[in-house]
Amino acid sequence: MSTSRAVQSDPFKRPPISVGEGQKPSARALLSDDATLQLVVLARTGDCLALEALLERCLPPLRRWAHRKLPAAARGRFDTSDLVQDAALHLLQRLDVFEPLHVGALQAYLRQSVTNRIRDEVRRVSRQPPAVELPDDQPSDHSSPLEAAIRAESCERYRRALSQLAAKDRELIVARIEMQWSLSEVAHRFRLRTVDAARMAVTRAVKHLTRALHSST
């Protein structure tokens, strides 16, 4: 997959980073401005700054998600940070063959990897072969309409509906729901003035997606 194709397909596309002659962009600049898929492409070439930015973008929300996913009875036995670290190392070993096929594919891959590790660890400790039933994610107050809509529809219909939205709405939904950014992160990354403005923007995007899902029935 070429760099240009990766950048075009990523909803987090931002204007190029302005870097002075002879200077290299910092990892923080890459984290703020570069597209996720572009970071994957650069990391494959051995770009350490891109790799650092990619991990900094993906791992914090993954840790929060993993903590909620771990069964309450097992939280005293396992460190979710270790599980996330193992998943990240596994991804790095396969980064050269990883192909993100849709928006949020990288985060979905990492979540599945963490889920597999949680199940393996719980099975190992309990020495019982049946799979452990993991709790469903708890939707936030402001994302519950979207979460309910996604549960009611197939993933394919969700993706089709998402593709029908304006680019800004797609970006907001992916940032808030798939990447699990906080509202303050959304406000900062999308250059919105306040957290309330970010909440309103996400709510509008959710309504647009819900209408798109219903119109496809």
N, C-alpha and C. Protein backbone atom coordinates (compact mmCIF):
# COMPACT_ATOMS: atom_id res chain seq x y z
N MET A 1 0.84 -1.19 0.00
CA MET A 1 0.00 0.00 0.00
C MET A 1 0.88 1.24 0.00
N SER A 2 0.69 2.17 -0.91
CA SER A 2 1.52 3.34 -1.02
C SER A 2 1.16 4.35 0.04
N THR A 3 2.10 5.29 0.31
CA THR A 3 1.85 6.33 1.30
C THR A 3 0.67 7.19 0.91
N SER A 4 0.55 7.54 -0.38
CA SER A 4 -0.53 8.42 -0.81
C SER A 4 -1.88 7.77 -0.61
N ARG A 5 -1.99 6.47 -0.91
CA ARG A 5 -3.26 5.77 -0.70
C ARG A 5 -3.59 5.71 0.77
N ALA A 6 -2.59 5.46 1.62
CA ALA A 6 -2.84 5.38 3.05
C ALA A 6 -3.35 6.70 3.59
N VAL A 7 -2.74 7.80 3.17
CA VAL A 7 -3.14 9.12 3.66
C VAL A 7 -4.54 9.45 3.20
N GLN A 8 -4.89 9.14 1.93
CA GLN A 8 -6.20 9.46 1.41
C GLN A 8 -7.29 8.70 2.14
N SER A 9 -7.01 7.48 2.60
CA SER A 9 -8.05 6.66 3.20
C SER A 9 -8.20 6.90 4.69
N ASP A 10 -7.38 7.72 5.31
CA ASP A 10 -7.43 7.95 6.74
C ASP A 10 -8.21 9.20 7.06
N PRO A 11 -9.27 9.13 7.89
CA PRO A 11 -10.06 10.31 8.18
C PRO A 11 -9.36 11.29 9.08
N PHE A 12 -8.19 10.95 9.63
CA PHE A 12 -7.47 11.86 10.48
C PHE A 12 -6.47 12.72 9.70
N LYS A 13 -6.67 12.83 8.38
CA LYS A 13 -5.76 13.61 7.54
C LYS A 13 -5.73 15.05 8.00
N ARG A 14 -4.59 15.60 8.17
CA ARG A 14 -4.41 16.99 8.58
C ARG A 14 -3.41 17.64 7.63
N PRO A 15 -3.35 18.98 7.59
CA PRO A 15 -2.35 19.64 6.77
C PRO A 15 -0.95 19.18 7.16
N PRO A 16 -0.01 19.12 6.21
CA PRO A 16 1.34 18.64 6.50
C PRO A 16 1.97 19.43 7.64
N ILE A 17 2.83 18.76 8.39
CA ILE A 17 3.55 19.41 9.47
C ILE A 17 4.56 20.39 8.90
N SER A 18 4.60 21.57 9.48
CA SER A 18 5.56 22.56 9.03
C SER A 18 6.85 22.40 9.82
N VAL A 19 7.90 22.02 9.14
CA VAL A 19 9.18 21.77 9.79
C VAL A 19 10.25 22.59 9.09
N GLY A 20 11.06 23.27 9.89
CA GLY A 20 12.12 24.09 9.32
C GLY A 20 13.17 23.25 8.63
N GLU A 21 13.90 23.87 7.72
CA GLU A 21 14.93 23.14 6.97
C GLU A 21 15.96 22.58 7.92
N GLY A 22 16.28 21.31 7.74
CA GLY A 22 17.28 20.67 8.58
C GLY A 22 16.73 20.16 9.90
N GLN A 23 15.41 20.37 10.16
CA GLN A 23 14.82 19.92 11.40
C GLN A 23 13.98 18.68 11.17
N LYS A 24 13.87 17.86 12.21
CA LYS A 24 12.99 16.70 12.16
C LYS A 24 11.78 16.97 13.04
N PRO A 25 10.58 16.52 12.62
CA PRO A 25 9.41 16.72 13.47
C PRO A 25 9.54 15.88 14.73
N SER A 26 9.05 16.42 15.85
CA SER A 26 9.06 15.67 17.09
C SER A 26 7.98 14.62 17.06
N ALA A 27 8.07 13.65 17.99
CA ALA A 27 7.02 12.63 18.09
C ALA A 27 5.69 13.28 18.43
N ARG A 28 5.69 14.34 19.26
CA ARG A 28 4.45 15.03 19.61
C ARG A 28 3.81 15.66 18.39
N ALA A 29 4.62 16.23 17.50
CA ALA A 29 4.07 16.82 16.27
C ALA A 29 3.45 15.76 15.39
N LEU A 30 4.11 14.62 15.27
CA LEU A 30 3.55 13.52 14.48
C LEU A 30 2.24 13.04 15.10
N LEU A 31 2.21 12.96 16.43
CA LEU A 31 1.01 12.49 17.10
C LEU A 31 -0.16 13.41 16.84
N SER A 32 0.09 14.71 16.79
CA SER A 32 -0.98 15.68 16.66
C SER A 32 -1.46 15.81 15.23
N ASP A 33 -0.57 15.68 14.25
CA ASP A 33 -0.90 16.10 12.90
C ASP A 33 -0.90 15.01 11.85
N ASP A 34 -0.17 13.96 12.05
CA ASP A 34 -0.07 12.94 11.00
C ASP A 34 -1.22 11.95 11.07
N ALA A 35 -1.61 11.42 9.93
CA ALA A 35 -2.67 10.42 9.86
C ALA A 35 -2.17 9.10 10.44
N THR A 36 -3.10 8.34 11.04
CA THR A 36 -2.73 7.06 11.64
C THR A 36 -2.12 6.12 10.61
N LEU A 37 -2.76 6.02 9.46
CA LEU A 37 -2.24 5.10 8.45
C LEU A 37 -0.90 5.57 7.90
N GLN A 38 -0.70 6.88 7.84
CA GLN A 38 0.60 7.39 7.40
C GLN A 38 1.67 7.00 8.42
N LEU A 39 1.32 7.04 9.70
CA LEU A 39 2.27 6.63 10.73
C LEU A 39 2.63 5.15 10.58
N VAL A 40 1.64 4.33 10.24
CA VAL A 40 1.92 2.90 10.01
C VAL A 40 2.92 2.73 8.87
N VAL A 41 2.68 3.46 7.79
CA VAL A 41 3.57 3.37 6.62
C VAL A 41 4.98 3.80 6.99
N LEU A 42 5.10 4.92 7.70
CA LEU A 42 6.43 5.42 8.09
C LEU A 42 7.11 4.46 9.07
N ALA A 43 6.32 3.91 10.01
CA ALA A 43 6.90 2.99 10.99
C ALA A 43 7.45 1.75 10.31
N ARG A 44 6.80 1.32 9.24
CA ARG A 44 7.29 0.15 8.50
C ARG A 44 8.67 0.38 7.90
N THR A 45 8.98 1.63 7.60
CA THR A 45 10.27 1.95 6.99
C THR A 45 11.37 2.09 8.04
N GLY A 46 11.00 1.95 9.32
CA GLY A 46 11.99 2.08 10.38
C GLY A 46 12.05 3.46 10.99
N ASP A 47 11.05 4.31 10.72
CA ASP A 47 11.01 5.66 11.27
C ASP A 47 10.65 5.58 12.75
N CYS A 48 11.62 5.83 13.62
CA CYS A 48 11.41 5.68 15.06
C CYS A 48 10.42 6.70 15.61
N LEU A 49 10.46 7.94 15.09
CA LEU A 49 9.52 8.96 15.55
C LEU A 49 8.09 8.57 15.20
N ALA A 50 7.89 8.05 14.01
CA ALA A 50 6.55 7.62 13.60
C ALA A 50 6.07 6.47 14.48
N LEU A 51 6.96 5.53 14.78
CA LEU A 51 6.60 4.40 15.62
C LEU A 51 6.23 4.88 17.03
N GLU A 52 7.00 5.82 17.56
CA GLU A 52 6.72 6.35 18.88
C GLU A 52 5.37 7.06 18.90
N ALA A 53 5.11 7.86 17.86
CA ALA A 53 3.84 8.57 17.77
C ALA A 53 2.67 7.61 17.62
N LEU A 54 2.87 6.55 16.84
CA LEU A 54 1.81 5.56 16.63
C LEU A 54 1.43 4.89 17.95
N LEU A 55 2.43 4.49 18.72
CA LEU A 55 2.16 3.84 20.00
C LEU A 55 1.54 4.82 20.99
N GLU A 56 2.01 6.06 20.99
CA GLU A 56 1.47 7.06 21.90
C GLU A 56 0.01 7.36 21.57
N ARG A 57 -0.34 7.27 20.31
CA ARG A 57 -1.73 7.52 19.90
C ARG A 57 -2.63 6.36 20.30
N CYS A 58 -2.17 5.12 20.15
CA CYS A 58 -3.03 3.95 20.30
C CYS A 58 -3.06 3.37 21.71
N LEU A 59 -1.94 3.40 22.44
CA LEU A 59 -1.87 2.64 23.68
C LEU A 59 -2.67 3.22 24.84
N PRO A 60 -2.70 4.55 25.07
CA PRO A 60 -3.48 5.05 26.21
C PRO A 60 -4.96 4.65 26.17
N PRO A 61 -5.68 4.87 25.03
CA PRO A 61 -7.07 4.42 25.01
C PRO A 61 -7.20 2.91 25.10
N LEU A 62 -6.20 2.17 24.60
CA LEU A 62 -6.24 0.71 24.68
C LEU A 62 -6.12 0.26 26.13
N ARG A 63 -5.28 0.93 26.93
CA ARG A 63 -5.15 0.57 28.35
C ARG A 63 -6.46 0.79 29.09
N ARG A 64 -7.13 1.93 28.81
CA ARG A 64 -8.41 2.20 29.47
C ARG A 64 -9.44 1.13 29.09
N TRP A 65 -9.47 0.78 27.81
CA TRP A 65 -10.40 -0.23 27.33
C TRP A 65 -10.11 -1.59 27.96
N ALA A 66 -8.83 -1.95 28.04
CA ALA A 66 -8.44 -3.26 28.58
C ALA A 66 -8.81 -3.37 30.06
N HIS A 67 -8.67 -2.28 30.80
CA HIS A 67 -9.02 -2.32 32.23
C HIS A 67 -10.50 -2.62 32.41
N ARG A 68 -11.35 -2.03 31.56
CA ARG A 68 -12.79 -2.29 31.65
C ARG A 68 -13.13 -3.71 31.18
N LYS A 69 -12.37 -4.19 30.21
CA LYS A 69 -12.65 -5.51 29.63
C LYS A 69 -12.26 -6.64 30.57
N LEU A 70 -11.26 -6.43 31.41
CA LEU A 70 -10.79 -7.49 32.31
C LEU A 70 -11.88 -7.78 33.34
N PRO A 71 -12.27 -9.05 33.51
CA PRO A 71 -13.28 -9.39 34.52
C PRO A 71 -12.89 -8.88 35.90
N ALA A 72 -13.87 -8.38 36.64
CA ALA A 72 -13.58 -7.76 37.94
C ALA A 72 -12.85 -8.72 38.87
N ALA A 73 -13.22 -9.99 38.84
CA ALA A 73 -12.60 -10.97 39.73
C ALA A 73 -11.13 -11.21 39.41
N ALA A 74 -10.71 -10.84 38.23
CA ALA A 74 -9.32 -11.10 37.81
C ALA A 74 -8.43 -9.87 37.89
N ARG A 75 -9.00 -8.72 38.24
CA ARG A 75 -8.21 -7.48 38.19
C ARG A 75 -7.10 -7.44 39.22
N GLY A 76 -7.23 -8.20 40.30
CA GLY A 76 -6.17 -8.23 41.29
C GLY A 76 -5.01 -9.13 40.90
N ARG A 77 -5.22 -9.96 39.88
CA ARG A 77 -4.19 -10.93 39.48
C ARG A 77 -3.39 -10.48 38.27
N PHE A 78 -3.98 -9.65 37.43
CA PHE A 78 -3.32 -9.29 36.18
C PHE A 78 -3.11 -7.79 36.10
N ASP A 79 -2.03 -7.40 35.49
CA ASP A 79 -1.74 -6.00 35.19
C ASP A 79 -2.11 -5.76 33.73
N THR A 80 -3.14 -4.95 33.51
CA THR A 80 -3.58 -4.71 32.13
C THR A 80 -2.50 -4.05 31.30
N SER A 81 -1.62 -3.27 31.95
CA SER A 81 -0.53 -2.64 31.20
C SER A 81 0.38 -3.68 30.57
N ASP A 82 0.61 -4.79 31.31
CA ASP A 82 1.44 -5.87 30.76
C ASP A 82 0.77 -6.53 29.56
N LEU A 83 -0.56 -6.73 29.66
CA LEU A 83 -1.29 -7.33 28.55
C LEU A 83 -1.24 -6.44 27.32
N VAL A 84 -1.40 -5.14 27.54
CA VAL A 84 -1.34 -4.18 26.43
C VAL A 84 0.05 -4.15 25.83
N GLN A 85 1.07 -4.20 26.70
CA GLN A 85 2.45 -4.20 26.21
C GLN A 85 2.72 -5.43 25.35
N ASP A 86 2.23 -6.59 25.77
CA ASP A 86 2.41 -7.81 24.98
C ASP A 86 1.74 -7.69 23.62
N ALA A 87 0.52 -7.11 23.61
CA ALA A 87 -0.20 -6.93 22.35
C ALA A 87 0.55 -5.98 21.43
N ALA A 88 1.12 -4.92 22.00
CA ALA A 88 1.87 -3.96 21.20
C ALA A 88 3.12 -4.60 20.60
N LEU A 89 3.82 -5.41 21.40
CA LEU A 89 5.01 -6.10 20.90
C LEU A 89 4.65 -7.07 19.77
N HIS A 90 3.52 -7.75 19.92
CA HIS A 90 3.06 -8.66 18.87
C HIS A 90 2.78 -7.90 17.59
N LEU A 91 2.16 -6.71 17.72
CA LEU A 91 1.88 -5.90 16.53
C LEU A 91 3.18 -5.46 15.87
N LEU A 92 4.16 -5.03 16.67
CA LEU A 92 5.42 -4.56 16.10
C LEU A 92 6.12 -5.67 15.32
N GLN A 93 5.99 -6.91 15.80
CA GLN A 93 6.61 -8.03 15.10
C GLN A 93 5.94 -8.31 13.76
N ARG A 94 4.66 -7.88 13.63
CA ARG A 94 3.91 -8.15 12.41
C ARG A 94 3.58 -6.88 11.63
N LEU A 95 4.19 -5.77 11.99
CA LEU A 95 3.84 -4.49 11.38
C LEU A 95 4.10 -4.49 9.88
N ASP A 96 5.11 -5.24 9.45
CA ASP A 96 5.45 -5.24 8.02
C ASP A 96 4.40 -5.95 7.17
N VAL A 97 3.56 -6.78 7.80
CA VAL A 97 2.52 -7.48 7.03
C VAL A 97 1.11 -7.02 7.42
N PHE A 98 1.01 -6.13 8.40
CA PHE A 98 -0.31 -5.65 8.83
C PHE A 98 -0.89 -4.72 7.78
N GLU A 99 -2.14 -5.00 7.37
CA GLU A 99 -2.83 -4.18 6.38
C GLU A 99 -4.12 -3.63 6.99
N PRO A 100 -4.16 -2.33 7.36
CA PRO A 100 -5.39 -1.75 7.89
C PRO A 100 -6.43 -1.60 6.79
N LEU A 101 -7.49 -2.40 6.83
CA LEU A 101 -8.46 -2.44 5.75
C LEU A 101 -9.58 -1.43 5.91
N HIS A 102 -9.72 -0.84 7.09
CA HIS A 102 -10.78 0.14 7.31
C HIS A 102 -10.37 1.06 8.45
N VAL A 103 -11.13 2.15 8.62
CA VAL A 103 -10.88 3.09 9.69
C VAL A 103 -11.00 2.36 11.04
N GLY A 104 -10.02 2.54 11.90
CA GLY A 104 -10.04 1.90 13.20
C GLY A 104 -9.52 0.47 13.21
N ALA A 105 -8.98 0.00 12.07
CA ALA A 105 -8.52 -1.39 11.98
C ALA A 105 -7.37 -1.66 12.95
N LEU A 106 -6.48 -0.69 13.11
CA LEU A 106 -5.34 -0.89 14.00
C LEU A 106 -5.81 -1.07 15.44
N GLN A 107 -6.72 -0.20 15.89
CA GLN A 107 -7.23 -0.31 17.25
C GLN A 107 -8.01 -1.62 17.42
N ALA A 108 -8.77 -2.01 16.41
CA ALA A 108 -9.53 -3.26 16.48
C ALA A 108 -8.58 -4.46 16.60
N TYR A 109 -7.47 -4.42 15.85
CA TYR A 109 -6.48 -5.50 15.90
C TYR A 109 -5.88 -5.59 17.30
N LEU A 110 -5.53 -4.44 17.88
CA LEU A 110 -4.93 -4.43 19.21
C LEU A 110 -5.93 -4.91 20.26
N ARG A 111 -7.19 -4.50 20.13
CA ARG A 111 -8.21 -4.94 21.09
C ARG A 111 -8.40 -6.45 21.05
N GLN A 112 -8.44 -7.00 19.84
CA GLN A 112 -8.61 -8.45 19.73
C GLN A 112 -7.41 -9.17 20.32
N SER A 113 -6.23 -8.62 20.12
CA SER A 113 -5.02 -9.22 20.67
C SER A 113 -5.05 -9.20 22.19
N VAL A 114 -5.49 -8.08 22.78
CA VAL A 114 -5.60 -7.98 24.24
C VAL A 114 -6.66 -8.95 24.75
N THR A 115 -7.81 -9.02 24.07
CA THR A 115 -8.88 -9.94 24.48
C THR A 115 -8.38 -11.37 24.50
N ASN A 116 -7.63 -11.76 23.48
CA ASN A 116 -7.08 -13.12 23.44
C ASN A 116 -6.16 -13.38 24.63
N ARG A 117 -5.35 -12.39 24.98
CA ARG A 117 -4.42 -12.55 26.09
C ARG A 117 -5.15 -12.62 27.43
N ILE A 118 -6.22 -11.84 27.58
CA ILE A 118 -7.01 -11.90 28.81
C ILE A 118 -7.60 -13.30 28.98
N ARG A 119 -8.18 -13.82 27.92
CA ARG A 119 -8.76 -15.17 27.99
C ARG A 119 -7.70 -16.22 28.32
N ASP A 120 -6.54 -16.10 27.68
CA ASP A 120 -5.47 -17.07 27.92
C ASP A 120 -5.02 -17.04 29.38
N GLU A 121 -4.86 -15.82 29.93
CA GLU A 121 -4.38 -15.69 31.30
C GLU A 121 -5.41 -16.20 32.30
N VAL A 122 -6.68 -15.87 32.08
CA VAL A 122 -7.72 -16.33 33.01
C VAL A 122 -7.84 -17.85 32.96
N ARG A 123 -7.75 -18.42 31.76
CA ARG A 123 -7.80 -19.88 31.63
C ARG A 123 -6.62 -20.53 32.35
N ARG A 124 -5.44 -19.92 32.19
CA ARG A 124 -4.24 -20.51 32.79
C ARG A 124 -4.35 -20.53 34.30
N VAL A 125 -4.83 -19.44 34.88
CA VAL A 125 -4.92 -19.36 36.34
C VAL A 125 -6.01 -20.26 36.88
N SER A 126 -7.16 -20.25 36.22
CA SER A 126 -8.28 -21.05 36.72
C SER A 126 -8.16 -22.53 36.36
N ARG A 127 -7.30 -22.84 35.33
CA ARG A 127 -7.12 -24.22 34.87
C ARG A 127 -8.44 -24.84 34.43
N GLN A 128 -9.27 -24.00 33.87
CA GLN A 128 -10.55 -24.48 33.36
C GLN A 128 -10.60 -24.19 31.87
N PRO A 129 -10.95 -25.19 31.02
CA PRO A 129 -10.93 -24.98 29.57
C PRO A 129 -11.98 -24.05 29.01
N PRO A 130 -13.20 -23.93 29.61
CA PRO A 130 -14.21 -23.08 28.95
C PRO A 130 -13.74 -21.64 28.83
N ALA A 131 -14.18 -21.01 27.77
CA ALA A 131 -13.83 -19.61 27.55
C ALA A 131 -14.48 -18.74 28.61
N VAL A 132 -13.78 -17.69 29.01
CA VAL A 132 -14.29 -16.75 30.00
C VAL A 132 -15.20 -15.75 29.32
N GLU A 133 -16.36 -15.52 29.90
CA GLU A 133 -17.29 -14.53 29.35
C GLU A 133 -16.82 -13.15 29.76
N LEU A 134 -16.42 -12.34 28.82
CA LEU A 134 -15.94 -11.01 29.11
C LEU A 134 -17.09 -10.02 29.11
N PRO A 135 -17.05 -9.02 30.01
CA PRO A 135 -18.15 -8.06 30.07
C PRO A 135 -18.18 -7.17 28.85
N ASP A 136 -19.38 -6.74 28.46
CA ASP A 136 -19.51 -5.81 27.35
C ASP A 136 -18.96 -4.46 27.76
N ASP A 137 -18.46 -3.71 26.78
CA ASP A 137 -18.01 -2.35 27.05
C ASP A 137 -19.19 -1.52 27.54
N GLN A 138 -18.93 -0.65 28.48
CA GLN A 138 -19.96 0.26 28.96
C GLN A 138 -19.89 1.54 28.16
N PRO A 139 -20.94 1.88 27.41
CA PRO A 139 -20.91 3.10 26.61
C PRO A 139 -20.94 4.34 27.47
N SER A 140 -20.33 5.41 27.01
CA SER A 140 -20.36 6.67 27.73
C SER A 140 -21.73 7.31 27.57
N ASP A 141 -21.99 8.34 28.40
CA ASP A 141 -23.29 9.01 28.37
C ASP A 141 -23.58 9.59 27.00
N HIS A 142 -22.55 10.07 26.33
CA HIS A 142 -22.76 10.80 25.09
C HIS A 142 -22.64 9.91 23.85
N SER A 143 -22.20 8.68 24.04
CA SER A 143 -22.04 7.81 22.87
C SER A 143 -23.06 6.68 22.84
N SER A 144 -23.94 6.60 23.84
CA SER A 144 -24.87 5.48 23.90
C SER A 144 -25.78 5.36 22.69
N PRO A 145 -26.28 6.44 22.08
CA PRO A 145 -27.09 6.25 20.87
C PRO A 145 -26.31 5.55 19.76
N LEU A 146 -25.04 5.90 19.61
CA LEU A 146 -24.22 5.24 18.58
C LEU A 146 -23.98 3.79 18.94
N GLU A 147 -23.63 3.55 20.20
CA GLU A 147 -23.36 2.17 20.62
C GLU A 147 -24.60 1.30 20.40
N ALA A 148 -25.78 1.84 20.74
CA ALA A 148 -27.01 1.09 20.55
C ALA A 148 -27.27 0.83 19.07
N ALA A 149 -26.99 1.83 18.24
CA ALA A 149 -27.21 1.68 16.81
C ALA A 149 -26.29 0.62 16.22
N ILE A 150 -25.03 0.63 16.67
CA ILE A 150 -24.06 -0.34 16.15
C ILE A 150 -24.44 -1.76 16.58
N ARG A 151 -24.89 -1.91 17.84
CA ARG A 151 -25.28 -3.24 18.29
C ARG A 151 -26.48 -3.76 17.51
N ALA A 152 -27.36 -2.85 17.08
CA ALA A 152 -28.57 -3.27 16.37
C ALA A 152 -28.30 -3.55 14.89
N GLU A 153 -27.20 -3.09 14.39
CA GLU A 153 -26.89 -3.26 12.96
C GLU A 153 -25.63 -4.10 12.80
N SER A 154 -25.43 -4.64 11.65
CA SER A 154 -24.21 -5.39 11.38
C SER A 154 -23.05 -4.43 11.19
N CYS A 155 -21.84 -4.96 11.38
CA CYS A 155 -20.65 -4.13 11.20
C CYS A 155 -20.57 -3.59 9.78
N GLU A 156 -20.97 -4.41 8.82
CA GLU A 156 -20.90 -3.97 7.43
C GLU A 156 -21.83 -2.80 7.17
N ARG A 157 -23.03 -2.86 7.72
CA ARG A 157 -23.97 -1.75 7.55
C ARG A 157 -23.47 -0.50 8.26
N TYR A 158 -22.83 -0.68 9.40
CA TYR A 158 -22.24 0.45 10.11
C TYR A 158 -21.17 1.12 9.26
N ARG A 159 -20.31 0.30 8.64
CA ARG A 159 -19.25 0.86 7.81
C ARG A 159 -19.83 1.60 6.60
N ARG A 160 -20.87 1.02 6.00
CA ARG A 160 -21.49 1.68 4.85
C ARG A 160 -22.11 3.01 5.26
N ALA A 161 -22.80 3.00 6.40
CA ALA A 161 -23.42 4.23 6.88
C ALA A 161 -22.35 5.27 7.21
N LEU A 162 -21.25 4.82 7.81
CA LEU A 162 -20.17 5.74 8.16
C LEU A 162 -19.59 6.39 6.91
N SER A 163 -19.48 5.62 5.84
CA SER A 163 -18.90 6.15 4.60
C SER A 163 -19.80 7.20 3.95
N GLN A 164 -21.08 7.22 4.31
CA GLN A 164 -22.01 8.18 3.73
C GLN A 164 -21.97 9.55 4.42
N LEU A 165 -21.32 9.62 5.56
CA LEU A 165 -21.30 10.85 6.33
C LEU A 165 -20.26 11.82 5.78
N ALA A 166 -20.42 13.07 6.17
CA ALA A 166 -19.40 14.07 5.86
C ALA A 166 -18.10 13.69 6.54
N ALA A 167 -16.98 14.11 5.97
CA ALA A 167 -15.67 13.72 6.50
C ALA A 167 -15.52 14.11 7.97
N LYS A 168 -15.99 15.30 8.35
CA LYS A 168 -15.85 15.76 9.73
C LYS A 168 -16.62 14.85 10.68
N ASP A 169 -17.84 14.45 10.29
CA ASP A 169 -18.62 13.56 11.14
C ASP A 169 -17.93 12.21 11.29
N ARG A 170 -17.37 11.68 10.19
CA ARG A 170 -16.65 10.40 10.27
C ARG A 170 -15.48 10.51 11.24
N GLU A 171 -14.73 11.59 11.13
CA GLU A 171 -13.56 11.77 11.99
C GLU A 171 -13.97 11.83 13.46
N LEU A 172 -15.04 12.55 13.75
CA LEU A 172 -15.50 12.68 15.13
C LEU A 172 -15.93 11.34 15.70
N ILE A 173 -16.67 10.57 14.92
CA ILE A 173 -17.16 9.27 15.40
C ILE A 173 -16.00 8.31 15.63
N VAL A 174 -15.07 8.26 14.70
CA VAL A 174 -13.92 7.37 14.87
C VAL A 174 -13.09 7.79 16.08
N ALA A 175 -12.87 9.09 16.24
CA ALA A 175 -12.06 9.58 17.36
C ALA A 175 -12.71 9.27 18.70
N ARG A 176 -14.01 9.56 18.81
CA ARG A 176 -14.70 9.42 20.09
C ARG A 176 -15.04 7.97 20.42
N ILE A 177 -15.50 7.21 19.43
CA ILE A 177 -16.00 5.87 19.69
C ILE A 177 -14.94 4.79 19.46
N GLU A 178 -14.33 4.79 18.28
CA GLU A 178 -13.38 3.71 17.98
C GLU A 178 -12.05 3.92 18.68
N MET A 179 -11.56 5.17 18.69
CA MET A 179 -10.29 5.44 19.35
C MET A 179 -10.46 5.78 20.83
N GLN A 180 -11.71 6.03 21.25
CA GLN A 180 -12.04 6.33 22.65
C GLN A 180 -11.31 7.55 23.19
N TRP A 181 -11.17 8.58 22.35
CA TRP A 181 -10.61 9.83 22.85
C TRP A 181 -11.59 10.47 23.81
N SER A 182 -11.08 11.15 24.82
CA SER A 182 -11.93 11.92 25.72
C SER A 182 -12.45 13.15 24.98
N LEU A 183 -13.49 13.78 25.54
CA LEU A 183 -14.03 14.98 24.90
C LEU A 183 -13.00 16.10 24.87
N SER A 184 -12.16 16.18 25.89
CA SER A 184 -11.12 17.21 25.89
C SER A 184 -10.10 16.95 24.78
N GLU A 185 -9.78 15.66 24.52
CA GLU A 185 -8.89 15.32 23.41
C GLU A 185 -9.54 15.67 22.08
N VAL A 186 -10.83 15.37 21.95
CA VAL A 186 -11.55 15.71 20.72
C VAL A 186 -11.51 17.21 20.49
N ALA A 187 -11.78 17.98 21.55
CA ALA A 187 -11.77 19.44 21.42
C ALA A 187 -10.40 19.94 20.96
N HIS A 188 -9.34 19.37 21.53
CA HIS A 188 -7.98 19.81 21.19
C HIS A 188 -7.61 19.40 19.77
N ARG A 189 -7.84 18.15 19.41
CA ARG A 189 -7.41 17.65 18.11
C ARG A 189 -8.21 18.26 16.96
N PHE A 190 -9.50 18.59 17.22
CA PHE A 190 -10.35 19.15 16.16
C PHE A 190 -10.45 20.67 16.24
N ARG A 191 -9.62 21.26 17.12
CA ARG A 191 -9.55 22.71 17.25
C ARG A 191 -10.91 23.33 17.59
N LEU A 192 -11.62 22.68 18.50
CA LEU A 192 -12.88 23.21 19.00
C LEU A 192 -12.60 24.00 20.27
N ARG A 193 -13.40 25.02 20.52
CA ARG A 193 -13.07 25.96 21.59
C ARG A 193 -13.22 25.37 22.98
N THR A 194 -14.26 24.55 23.18
CA THR A 194 -14.55 24.02 24.51
C THR A 194 -14.92 22.55 24.44
N VAL A 195 -14.95 21.92 25.63
CA VAL A 195 -15.40 20.53 25.73
C VAL A 195 -16.88 20.43 25.35
N ASP A 196 -17.67 21.43 25.74
CA ASP A 196 -19.09 21.43 25.36
C ASP A 196 -19.26 21.48 23.85
N ALA A 197 -18.41 22.25 23.18
CA ALA A 197 -18.47 22.30 21.71
C ALA A 197 -18.14 20.94 21.12
N ALA A 198 -17.17 20.25 21.71
CA ALA A 198 -16.83 18.90 21.25
C ALA A 198 -17.99 17.95 21.47
N ARG A 199 -18.64 18.05 22.65
CA ARG A 199 -19.78 17.18 22.94
C ARG A 199 -20.91 17.40 21.94
N MET A 200 -21.20 18.66 21.62
CA MET A 200 -22.26 18.96 20.66
C MET A 200 -21.91 18.44 19.27
N ALA A 201 -20.65 18.59 18.88
CA ALA A 201 -20.22 18.11 17.56
C ALA A 201 -20.34 16.59 17.46
N VAL A 202 -19.93 15.89 18.51
CA VAL A 202 -20.04 14.43 18.52
C VAL A 202 -21.50 14.00 18.49
N THR A 203 -22.35 14.70 19.27
CA THR A 203 -23.77 14.36 19.30
C THR A 203 -24.41 14.52 17.93
N ARG A 204 -24.06 15.60 17.22
CA ARG A 204 -24.59 15.80 15.86
C ARG A 204 -24.13 14.68 14.94
N ALA A 205 -22.85 14.32 15.04
CA ALA A 205 -22.33 13.25 14.19
C ALA A 205 -23.04 11.93 14.46
N VAL A 206 -23.31 11.66 15.74
CA VAL A 206 -24.02 10.43 16.12
C VAL A 206 -25.42 10.42 15.51
N LYS A 207 -26.11 11.55 15.57
CA LYS A 207 -27.46 11.62 14.99
C LYS A 207 -27.42 11.37 13.49
N HIS A 208 -26.42 11.95 12.82
CA HIS A 208 -26.30 11.74 11.37
C HIS A 208 -26.05 10.27 11.05
N LEU A 209 -25.20 9.62 11.85
CA LEU A 209 -24.93 8.21 11.62
C LEU A 209 -26.17 7.36 11.87
N THR A 210 -26.89 7.68 12.94
CA THR A 210 -28.10 6.93 13.25
C THR A 210 -29.12 7.02 12.13
N ARG A 211 -29.28 8.23 11.56
CA ARG A 211 -30.19 8.40 10.43
C ARG A 211 -29.72 7.59 9.23
N ALA A 212 -28.41 7.59 8.99
CA ALA A 212 -27.87 6.83 7.86
C ALA A 212 -28.10 5.33 8.04
N LEU A 213 -27.97 4.85 9.27
CA LEU A 213 -28.23 3.44 9.55
C LEU A 213 -29.70 3.09 9.31
N HIS A 214 -30.59 3.97 9.78
CA HIS A 214 -32.02 3.70 9.62
C HIS A 214 -32.45 3.78 8.16
N SER A 215 -31.83 4.67 7.40
CA SER A 215 -32.23 4.83 5.99
C SER A 215 -31.81 3.64 5.14
N SER A 216 -30.88 2.82 5.65
CA SER A 216 -30.41 1.67 4.87
C SER A 216 -31.22 0.42 5.14
N THR A 217 -32.22 0.52 6.03
CA THR A 217 -33.04 -0.66 6.33
C THR A 217 -34.03 -0.93 5.21
